[in-house]
Amino acid sequence: MNTSSVPDLSPLQRRKRSAILDGAKTVFLSQGFGLATMDDVAAAAGVGKQTVYRHFKSKEALFVGLVTSMCAQVGGVLAGALEAQADGLPEAELRELGWALARILIVPDNLRLYRAIVAEAERLPELGQVFYENGLKVVRAFAAKILRKRFDESTAALRAATFVQLVLGDAYLELSIGFPVPDVDARFALQVDEAVAAALR
């Protein structure tokens, strides 16, 4: 969740919440959810533990807050990439979206976040829902908006889902499980090309 969207917080409270989320990112992504403690987060954020608990009632709630925040950052990057291609051809817009998605998801912190989500999703069902609603669903909506220039709404939605899966492809799966991917840019170039072609054919 973007801290600017949190209601009824003073500027100081917003700064503290932002610091807590930054601290949580450092701790959760380096130690994993299971080993991380609220004391660790408080120390990383430079605030007291009670301040952390005033903003997030539990470690689980803090992790959900971190996932929401990081998904919002990804969404902002993708929205910016699409804005640069506004009123372009669907092929160019899809290609820009595909490359922006690939580049941002293979950033090490985002790979670590995905691994942490997968590790905890069964125990924390809310986590999977938050990740879907604020992550995958948003990306598919971006793709569907582009595809509605050429197809009806239901076809655009279906092709958007396929587009996202093809963009990520095997290369993202391999990276997410820690498998080295040689020539990663070339792999994603092929996947983005295939995703664009499949979406528009």
C-alpha atoms as a PDB file:
ATOM      1  CA  MET A   1       0.000   0.000   0.000  1.00  0.00           C
ATOM      2  CA  ASN A   2       1.316   3.384  -0.895  1.00  0.00           C
ATOM      3  CA  THR A   3       1.657   5.305   2.352  1.00  0.00           C
ATOM      4  CA  SER A   4       0.048   8.346   0.778  1.00  0.00           C
ATOM      5  CA  SER A   5      -3.195   6.348   0.487  1.00  0.00           C
ATOM      6  CA  VAL A   6      -3.358   5.576   4.225  1.00  0.00           C
ATOM      7  CA  PRO A   7      -6.081   7.778   5.706  1.00  0.00           C
ATOM      8  CA  ASP A   8      -5.945   9.837   8.905  1.00  0.00           C
ATOM      9  CA  LEU A   9      -2.180   9.815   9.374  1.00  0.00           C
ATOM     10  CA  SER A  10      -0.173  12.900  10.189  1.00  0.00           C
ATOM     11  CA  PRO A  11       2.949  13.642   8.128  1.00  0.00           C
ATOM     12  CA  LEU A  12       5.083  12.270  10.985  1.00  0.00           C
ATOM     13  CA  GLN A  13       3.019   9.091  11.161  1.00  0.00           C
ATOM     14  CA  ARG A  14       3.308   8.670   7.406  1.00  0.00           C
ATOM     15  CA  ARG A  15       7.084   8.997   7.612  1.00  0.00           C
ATOM     16  CA  LYS A  16       7.208   6.424  10.398  1.00  0.00           C
ATOM     17  CA  ARG A  17       4.968   4.033   8.481  1.00  0.00           C
ATOM     18  CA  SER A  18       7.179   4.412   5.430  1.00  0.00           C
ATOM     19  CA  ALA A  19      10.281   3.754   7.569  1.00  0.00           C
ATOM     20  CA  ILE A  20       8.619   0.652   9.032  1.00  0.00           C
ATOM     21  CA  LEU A  21       7.827  -0.702   5.576  1.00  0.00           C
ATOM     22  CA  ASP A  22      11.397  -0.015   4.448  1.00  0.00           C
ATOM     23  CA  GLY A  23      12.676  -1.812   7.543  1.00  0.00           C
ATOM     24  CA  ALA A  24      10.290  -4.701   6.949  1.00  0.00           C
ATOM     25  CA  LYS A  25      11.531  -4.997   3.381  1.00  0.00           C
ATOM     26  CA  THR A  26      15.141  -5.215   4.555  1.00  0.00           C
ATOM     27  CA  VAL A  27      14.350  -7.786   7.246  1.00  0.00           C
ATOM     28  CA  PHE A  28      11.782 -10.004   5.538  1.00  0.00           C
ATOM     29  CA  LEU A  29      13.663 -10.219   2.258  1.00  0.00           C
ATOM     30  CA  SER A  30      16.976 -11.040   3.907  1.00  0.00           C
ATOM     31  CA  GLN A  31      15.792 -13.343   6.719  1.00  0.00           C
ATOM     32  CA  GLY A  32      12.493 -14.680   5.418  1.00  0.00           C
ATOM     33  CA  PHE A  33       9.177 -14.361   7.209  1.00  0.00           C
ATOM     34  CA  GLY A  34       9.779 -17.194   9.672  1.00  0.00           C
ATOM     35  CA  LEU A  35      13.056 -15.888  11.108  1.00  0.00           C
ATOM     36  CA  ALA A  36      12.159 -12.189  11.051  1.00  0.00           C
ATOM     37  CA  THR A  37      10.980 -10.547  14.277  1.00  0.00           C
ATOM     38  CA  MET A  38       9.227  -7.294  15.008  1.00  0.00           C
ATOM     39  CA  ASP A  39      12.302  -6.306  17.041  1.00  0.00           C
ATOM     40  CA  ASP A  40      14.411  -6.738  13.896  1.00  0.00           C
ATOM     41  CA  VAL A  41      11.998  -4.579  11.903  1.00  0.00           C
ATOM     42  CA  ALA A  42      11.908  -1.885  14.566  1.00  0.00           C
ATOM     43  CA  ALA A  43      15.710  -1.765  14.657  1.00  0.00           C
ATOM     44  CA  ALA A  44      15.943  -1.599  10.856  1.00  0.00           C
ATOM     45  CA  ALA A  45      13.299   1.149  10.776  1.00  0.00           C
ATOM     46  CA  GLY A  46      14.881   3.166  13.573  1.00  0.00           C
ATOM     47  CA  VAL A  47      11.673   3.191  15.634  1.00  0.00           C
ATOM     48  CA  GLY A  48      10.457   1.500  18.807  1.00  0.00           C
ATOM     49  CA  LYS A  49       8.703  -1.854  18.656  1.00  0.00           C
ATOM     50  CA  GLN A  50       5.493  -0.319  20.000  1.00  0.00           C
ATOM     51  CA  THR A  51       5.521   2.118  17.083  1.00  0.00           C
ATOM     52  CA  VAL A  52       5.619  -0.835  14.706  1.00  0.00           C
ATOM     53  CA  TYR A  53       2.661  -2.416  16.510  1.00  0.00           C
ATOM     54  CA  ARG A  54       0.686   0.833  16.390  1.00  0.00           C
ATOM     55  CA  HIS A  55       0.848   0.705  12.605  1.00  0.00           C
ATOM     56  CA  PHE A  56       0.658  -3.075  12.129  1.00  0.00           C
ATOM     57  CA  LYS A  57      -1.046  -5.308  14.702  1.00  0.00           C
ATOM     58  CA  SER A  58       1.073  -8.370  13.952  1.00  0.00           C
ATOM     59  CA  LYS A  59       4.010  -9.656  11.959  1.00  0.00           C
ATOM     60  CA  GLU A  60       1.517 -11.168   9.514  1.00  0.00           C
ATOM     61  CA  ALA A  61      -0.238  -7.824   9.028  1.00  0.00           C
ATOM     62  CA  LEU A  62       3.125  -6.154   8.463  1.00  0.00           C
ATOM     63  CA  PHE A  63       4.086  -8.697   5.820  1.00  0.00           C
ATOM     64  CA  VAL A  64       0.758  -8.172   4.044  1.00  0.00           C
ATOM     65  CA  GLY A  65       1.382  -4.418   4.227  1.00  0.00           C
ATOM     66  CA  LEU A  66       4.823  -4.889   2.682  1.00  0.00           C
ATOM     67  CA  VAL A  67       3.432  -7.007  -0.156  1.00  0.00           C
ATOM     68  CA  THR A  68       0.756  -4.389  -0.841  1.00  0.00           C
ATOM     69  CA  SER A  69       3.345  -1.606  -0.835  1.00  0.00           C
ATOM     70  CA  MET A  70       5.769  -3.385  -3.167  1.00  0.00           C
ATOM     71  CA  CYS A  71       2.963  -4.350  -5.553  1.00  0.00           C
ATOM     72  CA  ALA A  72       1.887  -0.702  -5.663  1.00  0.00           C
ATOM     73  CA  GLN A  73       5.432   0.292  -6.598  1.00  0.00           C
ATOM     74  CA  VAL A  74       5.461  -2.238  -9.434  1.00  0.00           C
ATOM     75  CA  GLY A  75       2.075  -0.979 -10.607  1.00  0.00           C
ATOM     76  CA  GLY A  76       3.395   2.570 -10.644  1.00  0.00           C
ATOM     77  CA  VAL A  77       6.365   1.607 -12.790  1.00  0.00           C
ATOM     78  CA  LEU A  78       4.138  -0.248 -15.265  1.00  0.00           C
ATOM     79  CA  ALA A  79       1.663   2.642 -15.419  1.00  0.00           C
ATOM     80  CA  GLY A  80       4.545   5.002 -16.196  1.00  0.00           C
ATOM     81  CA  ALA A  81       5.795   2.725 -18.958  1.00  0.00           C
ATOM     82  CA  LEU A  82       2.348   2.613 -20.531  1.00  0.00           C
ATOM     83  CA  GLU A  83       1.870   6.357 -20.245  1.00  0.00           C
ATOM     84  CA  ALA A  84       4.997   6.811 -22.350  1.00  0.00           C
ATOM     85  CA  GLN A  85       3.325   4.705 -25.064  1.00  0.00           C
ATOM     86  CA  ALA A  86      -0.106   6.341 -24.747  1.00  0.00           C
ATOM     87  CA  ASP A  87      -2.131   6.370 -27.978  1.00  0.00           C
ATOM     88  CA  GLY A  88       0.385   4.066 -29.621  1.00  0.00           C
ATOM     89  CA  LEU A  89      -0.286   0.904 -31.556  1.00  0.00           C
ATOM     90  CA  PRO A  90      -1.346  -2.099 -29.434  1.00  0.00           C
ATOM     91  CA  GLU A  91       1.767  -4.011 -30.515  1.00  0.00           C
ATOM     92  CA  ALA A  92       4.087  -1.244 -29.275  1.00  0.00           C
ATOM     93  CA  GLU A  93       2.149  -0.807 -26.037  1.00  0.00           C
ATOM     94  CA  LEU A  94       2.142  -4.549 -25.302  1.00  0.00           C
ATOM     95  CA  ARG A  95       5.845  -4.792 -26.032  1.00  0.00           C
ATOM     96  CA  GLU A  96       6.572  -1.900 -23.663  1.00  0.00           C
ATOM     97  CA  LEU A  97       4.385  -3.469 -20.970  1.00  0.00           C
ATOM     98  CA  GLY A  98       6.030  -6.864 -21.424  1.00  0.00           C
ATOM     99  CA  TRP A  99       9.549  -5.509 -21.159  1.00  0.00           C
ATOM    100  CA  ALA A 100       8.679  -3.297 -18.173  1.00  0.00           C
ATOM    101  CA  LEU A 101       7.103  -6.269 -16.396  1.00  0.00           C
ATOM    102  CA  ALA A 102      10.047  -8.561 -17.074  1.00  0.00           C
ATOM    103  CA  ARG A 103      12.636  -5.997 -15.991  1.00  0.00           C
ATOM    104  CA  ILE A 104      10.937  -5.122 -12.726  1.00  0.00           C
ATOM    105  CA  LEU A 105      10.022  -8.646 -11.652  1.00  0.00           C
ATOM    106  CA  ILE A 106      13.582  -9.961 -12.003  1.00  0.00           C
ATOM    107  CA  VAL A 107      14.968  -7.298  -9.680  1.00  0.00           C
ATOM    108  CA  PRO A 108      16.458  -9.353  -6.800  1.00  0.00           C
ATOM    109  CA  ASP A 109      14.182  -7.840  -4.135  1.00  0.00           C
ATOM    110  CA  ASN A 110      11.079  -8.649  -6.165  1.00  0.00           C
ATOM    111  CA  LEU A 111      12.246 -12.220  -6.718  1.00  0.00           C
ATOM    112  CA  ARG A 112      12.842 -12.560  -2.983  1.00  0.00           C
ATOM    113  CA  LEU A 113       9.391 -11.179  -2.264  1.00  0.00           C
ATOM    114  CA  TYR A 114       7.785 -13.691  -4.621  1.00  0.00           C
ATOM    115  CA  ARG A 115       9.633 -16.572  -2.946  1.00  0.00           C
ATOM    116  CA  ALA A 116       8.533 -15.350   0.481  1.00  0.00           C
ATOM    117  CA  ILE A 117       4.912 -15.076  -0.656  1.00  0.00           C
ATOM    118  CA  VAL A 118       4.915 -18.605  -2.071  1.00  0.00           C
ATOM    119  CA  ALA A 119       6.479 -19.930   1.130  1.00  0.00           C
ATOM    120  CA  GLU A 120       3.790 -18.376   3.352  1.00  0.00           C
ATOM    121  CA  ALA A 121       0.694 -18.320   1.114  1.00  0.00           C
ATOM    122  CA  GLU A 122      -0.755 -21.598   2.392  1.00  0.00           C
ATOM    123  CA  ARG A 123      -0.445 -20.516   6.017  1.00  0.00           C
ATOM    124  CA  LEU A 124      -1.621 -16.957   5.318  1.00  0.00           C
ATOM    125  CA  PRO A 125      -4.410 -17.180   2.711  1.00  0.00           C
ATOM    126  CA  GLU A 126      -4.905 -13.392   2.862  1.00  0.00           C
ATOM    127  CA  LEU A 127      -1.392 -13.004   1.511  1.00  0.00           C
ATOM    128  CA  GLY A 128      -2.157 -14.781  -1.754  1.00  0.00           C
ATOM    129  CA  GLN A 129      -5.329 -12.745  -2.191  1.00  0.00           C
ATOM    130  CA  VAL A 130      -3.500  -9.458  -1.590  1.00  0.00           C
ATOM    131  CA  PHE A 131      -0.746 -10.441  -4.018  1.00  0.00           C
ATOM    132  CA  TYR A 132      -3.285 -11.396  -6.674  1.00  0.00           C
ATOM    133  CA  GLU A 133      -5.491  -8.310  -6.253  1.00  0.00           C
ATOM    134  CA  ASN A 134      -2.600  -5.836  -6.118  1.00  0.00           C
ATOM    135  CA  GLY A 135      -0.206  -7.623  -8.447  1.00  0.00           C
ATOM    136  CA  LEU A 136      -1.281 -10.102 -11.091  1.00  0.00           C
ATOM    137  CA  LYS A 137      -4.800  -8.702 -11.468  1.00  0.00           C
ATOM    138  CA  VAL A 138      -3.431  -5.185 -11.993  1.00  0.00           C
ATOM    139  CA  VAL A 139      -0.942  -6.324 -14.638  1.00  0.00           C
ATOM    140  CA  ARG A 140      -3.654  -8.245 -16.488  1.00  0.00           C
ATOM    141  CA  ALA A 141      -5.875  -5.145 -16.364  1.00  0.00           C
ATOM    142  CA  PHE A 142      -3.127  -3.074 -18.006  1.00  0.00           C
ATOM    143  CA  ALA A 143      -2.782  -5.658 -20.785  1.00  0.00           C
ATOM    144  CA  ALA A 144      -6.564  -5.984 -21.222  1.00  0.00           C
ATOM    145  CA  LYS A 145      -6.929  -2.218 -21.583  1.00  0.00           C
ATOM    146  CA  ILE A 146      -4.495  -2.296 -24.498  1.00  0.00           C
ATOM    147  CA  LEU A 147      -6.153  -5.323 -26.076  1.00  0.00           C
ATOM    148  CA  ARG A 148      -9.616  -3.759 -25.915  1.00  0.00           C
ATOM    149  CA  LYS A 149      -8.436  -1.496 -28.744  1.00  0.00           C
ATOM    150  CA  ARG A 150      -8.672  -4.556 -30.959  1.00  0.00           C
ATOM    151  CA  PHE A 151     -10.918  -7.121 -29.247  1.00  0.00           C
ATOM    152  CA  ASP A 152     -14.141  -7.275 -27.247  1.00  0.00           C
ATOM    153  CA  GLU A 153     -13.898  -7.194 -23.457  1.00  0.00           C
ATOM    154  CA  SER A 154     -14.024 -10.935 -22.758  1.00  0.00           C
ATOM    155  CA  THR A 155     -11.500 -11.761 -25.495  1.00  0.00           C
ATOM    156  CA  ALA A 156      -9.195  -8.985 -24.283  1.00  0.00           C
ATOM    157  CA  ALA A 157      -9.326 -10.356 -20.718  1.00  0.00           C
ATOM    158  CA  LEU A 158      -8.520 -13.887 -21.851  1.00  0.00           C
ATOM    159  CA  ARG A 159      -5.664 -12.798 -24.076  1.00  0.00           C
ATOM    160  CA  ALA A 160      -4.305 -10.504 -21.348  1.00  0.00           C
ATOM    161  CA  ALA A 161      -3.959 -13.469 -18.980  1.00  0.00           C
ATOM    162  CA  THR A 162      -2.149 -15.474 -21.661  1.00  0.00           C
ATOM    163  CA  PHE A 163       0.062 -12.491 -22.493  1.00  0.00           C
ATOM    164  CA  VAL A 164       1.305 -12.139 -18.905  1.00  0.00           C
ATOM    165  CA  GLN A 165       2.060 -15.866 -18.613  1.00  0.00           C
ATOM    166  CA  LEU A 166       3.995 -15.906 -21.881  1.00  0.00           C
ATOM    167  CA  VAL A 167       6.002 -12.812 -20.951  1.00  0.00           C
ATOM    168  CA  LEU A 168       7.173 -14.467 -17.732  1.00  0.00           C
ATOM    169  CA  GLY A 169       7.541 -17.942 -19.207  1.00  0.00           C
ATOM    170  CA  ASP A 170      10.173 -20.433 -18.125  1.00  0.00           C
ATOM    171  CA  ALA A 171      12.807 -17.750 -17.587  1.00  0.00           C
ATOM    172  CA  TYR A 172      10.922 -16.213 -14.657  1.00  0.00           C
ATOM    173  CA  LEU A 173      10.165 -19.629 -13.174  1.00  0.00           C
ATOM    174  CA  GLU A 174      13.843 -20.543 -13.302  1.00  0.00           C
ATOM    175  CA  LEU A 175      14.918 -17.247 -11.746  1.00  0.00           C
ATOM    176  CA  SER A 176      12.294 -17.497  -9.004  1.00  0.00           C
ATOM    177  CA  ILE A 177      13.658 -20.869  -7.864  1.00  0.00           C
ATOM    178  CA  GLY A 178      17.230 -19.591  -7.929  1.00  0.00           C
ATOM    179  CA  PHE A 179      18.254 -21.295 -11.169  1.00  0.00           C
ATOM    180  CA  PRO A 180      20.791 -19.238 -13.158  1.00  0.00           C
ATOM    181  CA  VAL A 181      19.496 -18.038 -16.519  1.00  0.00           C
ATOM    182  CA  PRO A 182      22.251 -17.285 -19.034  1.00  0.00           C
ATOM    183  CA  ASP A 183      21.492 -14.598 -21.615  1.00  0.00           C
ATOM    184  CA  VAL A 184      18.465 -13.538 -19.596  1.00  0.00           C
ATOM    185  CA  ASP A 185      17.715 -10.530 -21.823  1.00  0.00           C
ATOM    186  CA  ALA A 186      17.693 -12.721 -24.928  1.00  0.00           C
ATOM    187  CA  ARG A 187      15.381 -15.222 -23.212  1.00  0.00           C
ATOM    188  CA  PHE A 188      12.917 -12.514 -22.258  1.00  0.00           C
ATOM    189  CA  ALA A 189      13.164 -10.951 -25.722  1.00  0.00           C
ATOM    190  CA  LEU A 190      11.912 -14.218 -27.208  1.00  0.00           C
ATOM    191  CA  GLN A 191       9.188 -14.538 -24.602  1.00  0.00           C
ATOM    192  CA  VAL A 192       7.970 -10.965 -25.056  1.00  0.00           C
ATOM    193  CA  ASP A 193       7.911 -11.424 -28.841  1.00  0.00           C
ATOM    194  CA  GLU A 194       5.860 -14.601 -28.498  1.00  0.00           C
ATOM    195  CA  ALA A 195       3.540 -12.996 -25.950  1.00  0.00           C
ATOM    196  CA  VAL A 196       2.815 -10.014 -28.201  1.00  0.00           C
ATOM    197  CA  ALA A 197       2.263 -12.215 -31.261  1.00  0.00           C
ATOM    198  CA  ALA A 198      -0.059 -14.587 -29.383  1.00  0.00           C
ATOM    199  CA  ALA A 199      -2.081 -11.753 -27.862  1.00  0.00           C
ATOM    200  CA  LEU A 200      -2.719 -10.039 -31.188  1.00  0.00           C
ATOM    201  CA  ARG A 201      -3.100 -12.961 -33.575  1.00  0.00           C
END
